[in-house]
Each structure stands twice: as C-alpha cells, then as structure tokens.
C-alpha cells in the first residue's frame, strides 16, 4: 500500500483506519509466519515513502517509523538488469565501502531487501556476511535497531554502526 503521493509527498493517500489496519495486518502476517515479536516497535513503510501524518499515526500505535540512510545505494538491491537505475551487488558493495572511507557509517541504517525479483540474479543479501566482516575489520560493531530507538529518544545522534575505540 502506498501511503503518500509520489509527486506531492504531503498528500496522504490512505485514511488513518486504513493505515492502522494495514500495519496491524502486517504484524499479524509476521506472527503467522513465525516471527514472534512481543510488541512491534519499528516500521519501515512500503517503498520507504511516507510523510509526517503517517509517522504520527504510527507513533499513536506505539510504533516508530524508520528509514534507511541515503548515500550508499544499499537500497538499490531491488533493481534488476534493464532498469535505468540498476545497481549490481558488486557496485552496491563497493559504494558502501567507498562511502565509509570518505564519510564513515556512524549512524547509518543500510537497507537490504530479502525479497527481490527473480530477474535479479546477484542477490545483495548473499554478500552480507562478506560486508559485515569487512565493516567489523574496519572497527564497526552492529546493534539491534530497536535498542537504538530507545537511545534515540535521549541522544541527538543515535548510532546504527559505531566504530570501537580499539
């Protein structure tokens, strides 16, 4: 379900009732498929596209809207050959590391899609182990995002990836 207009993002395309039902249905589907979450607390909207109204509705349900951090092209792993914006997994992998070398990844949320079109044969998720090992070798540690959401309420710059002092 698309929540906000592609051209006019502040125009919400669903009612609060429809949004609440969609979010509840998604959590129910996760539970039905074995994902047991005591109380879902985070939500990445479909297409990563939302507005303040959607964020407010989610918050009223006790859920924090999150999104990926732009700049690395990690989110382009849904693209397929033939698409104008296609990025191979090799390109995405190296874009992430190049971005890290120039700017660092402290505070970054990288988005990878576990469900991609069969036309995309080079699944980026198959390179996650390699990427994680490389980032750990560069001094990063990984934290659960729900742990960071709690600290984000008290910190002005929460960290998704953080380098150790070693």
Protein backbone atom coordinates (compact mmCIF):
# COMPACT_ATOMS: atom_id res chain seq x y z
CA UNK A 1 0.00 0.00 0.00
CA UNK A 2 1.37 3.42 -0.96
CA UNK A 3 0.73 5.86 1.89
CA UNK A 4 1.79 9.17 0.33
CA UNK A 5 1.59 10.60 -3.18
CA UNK A 6 4.78 10.18 -5.24
CA UNK A 7 4.54 13.74 -6.58
CA UNK A 8 3.15 15.54 -3.56
CA UNK A 9 4.53 13.74 -0.53
CA UNK A 10 2.47 15.72 1.98
CA UNK A 11 -0.70 14.29 0.42
CA UNK A 12 -1.68 11.17 2.32
CA UNK A 13 -3.41 8.55 0.17
CA UNK A 14 -4.96 6.46 2.96
CA UNK A 15 -7.18 7.08 5.94
CA UNK A 16 -5.93 6.54 9.48
CA UNK A 17 -8.24 3.50 9.71
CA UNK A 18 -6.75 2.00 6.52
CA UNK A 19 -3.23 2.68 7.77
CA UNK A 20 -3.87 1.10 11.16
CA UNK A 21 -5.43 -1.96 9.51
CA UNK A 22 -2.52 -2.30 7.08
CA UNK A 23 0.06 -2.05 9.84
CA UNK A 24 -1.84 -4.47 12.08
CA UNK A 25 -2.28 -6.91 9.18
CA UNK A 26 1.46 -6.80 8.50
CA UNK A 27 2.30 -7.57 12.13
CA UNK A 28 -0.28 -10.39 12.14
CA UNK A 29 1.25 -11.86 8.96
CA UNK A 30 4.71 -11.80 10.54
CA UNK A 31 3.39 -13.56 13.63
CA UNK A 32 1.55 -16.16 11.49
CA UNK A 33 4.84 -16.90 9.73
CA UNK A 34 6.76 -17.47 12.94
CA UNK A 35 8.17 -14.02 13.61
CA UNK A 36 7.35 -13.60 17.25
CA UNK A 37 7.72 -10.05 18.39
CA UNK A 38 6.36 -9.12 21.81
CA UNK A 39 5.33 -5.66 20.69
CA UNK A 40 6.46 -4.45 17.28
CA UNK A 41 8.06 -1.08 17.85
CA UNK A 42 9.57 -0.12 14.49
CA UNK A 43 8.22 0.13 10.98
CA UNK A 44 9.74 0.87 7.59
CA UNK A 45 6.86 1.98 5.35
CA UNK A 46 6.35 0.41 1.93
CA UNK A 47 8.61 1.88 -0.74
CA UNK A 48 10.29 3.81 2.10
CA UNK A 49 7.76 6.55 1.27
CA UNK A 50 5.71 8.31 3.94
CA UNK A 51 5.01 11.70 5.45
CA UNK A 52 4.54 13.30 8.87
CA UNK A 53 0.93 12.19 9.11
CA UNK A 54 1.95 8.55 8.64
CA UNK A 55 4.67 8.97 11.27
CA UNK A 56 2.15 10.48 13.69
CA UNK A 57 -0.34 7.64 13.13
CA UNK A 58 2.38 5.05 13.66
CA UNK A 59 3.51 6.79 16.83
CA UNK A 60 -0.07 6.75 18.15
CA UNK A 61 0.09 2.95 17.72
CA UNK A 62 3.35 2.82 19.70
CA UNK A 63 5.48 2.31 16.58
CA UNK A 64 8.44 4.39 15.41
CA UNK A 65 8.85 4.90 11.67
CA UNK A 66 12.41 4.35 10.47
CA UNK A 67 14.10 4.66 7.10
CA UNK A 68 17.43 3.81 5.52
CA UNK A 69 20.18 6.39 5.43
CA UNK A 70 20.76 7.62 1.87
CA UNK A 71 24.17 7.86 0.26
CA UNK A 72 25.41 4.29 -0.15
CA UNK A 73 22.91 2.84 -2.67
CA UNK A 74 22.28 -0.12 -0.32
CA UNK A 75 18.57 0.28 -1.04
CA UNK A 76 19.13 -0.25 -4.80
CA UNK A 77 19.40 -4.00 -4.31
CA UNK A 78 15.81 -4.35 -5.56
CA UNK A 79 16.76 -3.16 -9.06
CA UNK A 80 17.04 -5.58 -11.96
CA UNK A 81 19.14 -5.56 -15.13
CA UNK A 82 17.34 -3.50 -17.72
CA UNK A 83 16.12 -0.93 -15.21
CA UNK A 84 17.55 2.54 -15.75
CA UNK A 85 18.68 2.74 -12.10
CA UNK A 86 20.09 -0.81 -11.91
CA UNK A 87 22.98 -1.33 -9.49
CA UNK A 88 24.74 -4.66 -9.33
CA UNK A 89 25.57 -6.15 -5.94
CA UNK A 90 29.23 -5.55 -6.71
CA UNK A 91 28.54 -1.86 -7.29
CA UNK A 92 26.43 -1.58 -4.13
CA UNK A 93 29.09 -3.36 -2.06
CA UNK A 94 31.84 -1.03 -3.28
CA UNK A 95 29.64 2.07 -2.98
CA UNK A 96 29.08 1.28 0.70
CA UNK A 97 32.80 0.86 1.34
CA UNK A 98 33.73 3.98 -0.66
CA UNK A 99 31.16 6.00 1.27
CA UNK A 100 32.53 4.61 4.53
CA UNK A 101 36.08 5.59 3.57
CA UNK A 102 35.06 9.19 2.82
CA UNK A 103 32.40 9.84 5.45
CA UNK A 104 32.12 6.90 7.83
CA UNK A 105 28.96 4.95 8.59
CA UNK A 106 28.28 6.02 12.16
CA UNK A 107 24.54 6.42 12.50
CA UNK A 108 23.77 4.64 9.24
CA UNK A 109 20.91 2.27 8.58
CA UNK A 110 21.61 0.21 5.48
CA UNK A 111 18.57 -1.29 3.73
CA UNK A 112 18.74 -4.69 2.04
CA UNK A 113 15.69 -6.41 0.56
CA UNK A 114 15.31 -10.12 1.26
CA UNK A 115 12.59 -10.43 -1.36
CA UNK A 116 13.81 -9.36 -4.77
CA UNK A 117 12.67 -10.04 -8.30
CA UNK A 118 13.90 -13.35 -9.77
CA UNK A 119 15.40 -11.31 -12.65
CA UNK A 120 17.96 -10.04 -10.16
CA UNK A 121 20.30 -13.00 -10.01
CA UNK A 122 23.06 -11.31 -7.97
CA UNK A 123 21.24 -11.00 -4.65
CA UNK A 124 22.99 -8.48 -2.40
CA UNK A 125 21.89 -10.37 0.69
CA UNK A 126 24.28 -13.14 -0.38
CA UNK A 127 27.14 -10.70 0.23
CA UNK A 128 26.04 -9.57 3.70
CA UNK A 129 28.43 -11.91 5.51
CA UNK A 130 31.33 -10.50 3.50
CA UNK A 131 30.18 -6.91 4.08
CA UNK A 132 29.68 -7.41 7.80
CA UNK A 133 33.13 -8.99 8.18
CA UNK A 134 34.69 -6.09 6.25
CA UNK A 135 32.95 -3.46 8.36
CA UNK A 136 33.92 -5.26 11.58
CA UNK A 137 37.54 -5.30 10.34
CA UNK A 138 37.22 -1.51 9.94
CA UNK A 139 36.23 -1.21 13.59
CA UNK A 140 32.43 -1.19 13.40
CA UNK A 141 30.03 -3.03 15.64
CA UNK A 142 26.40 -3.79 14.95
CA UNK A 143 23.47 -3.09 17.23
CA UNK A 144 19.83 -4.07 17.07
CA UNK A 145 17.86 -1.15 15.77
CA UNK A 146 15.21 -1.48 18.46
CA UNK A 147 17.96 -0.96 21.04
CA UNK A 148 18.93 2.22 19.23
CA UNK A 149 15.39 3.56 19.02
CA UNK A 150 15.26 3.72 22.82
CA UNK A 151 18.56 5.56 22.96
CA UNK A 152 17.49 7.82 20.09
CA UNK A 153 14.94 9.43 22.37
CA UNK A 154 17.74 10.69 24.61
CA UNK A 155 20.57 11.10 22.13
CA UNK A 156 20.70 13.70 19.41
CA UNK A 157 22.74 11.47 17.09
CA UNK A 158 21.94 7.77 17.58
CA UNK A 159 24.34 5.24 16.11
CA UNK A 160 23.44 2.24 13.98
CA UNK A 161 27.06 1.44 13.16
CA UNK A 162 29.71 2.61 15.57
CA UNK A 163 33.44 2.24 15.48
CA UNK A 164 35.15 0.82 18.54
CA UNK A 165 37.96 2.73 20.20
CA UNK A 166 40.42 -0.14 19.73
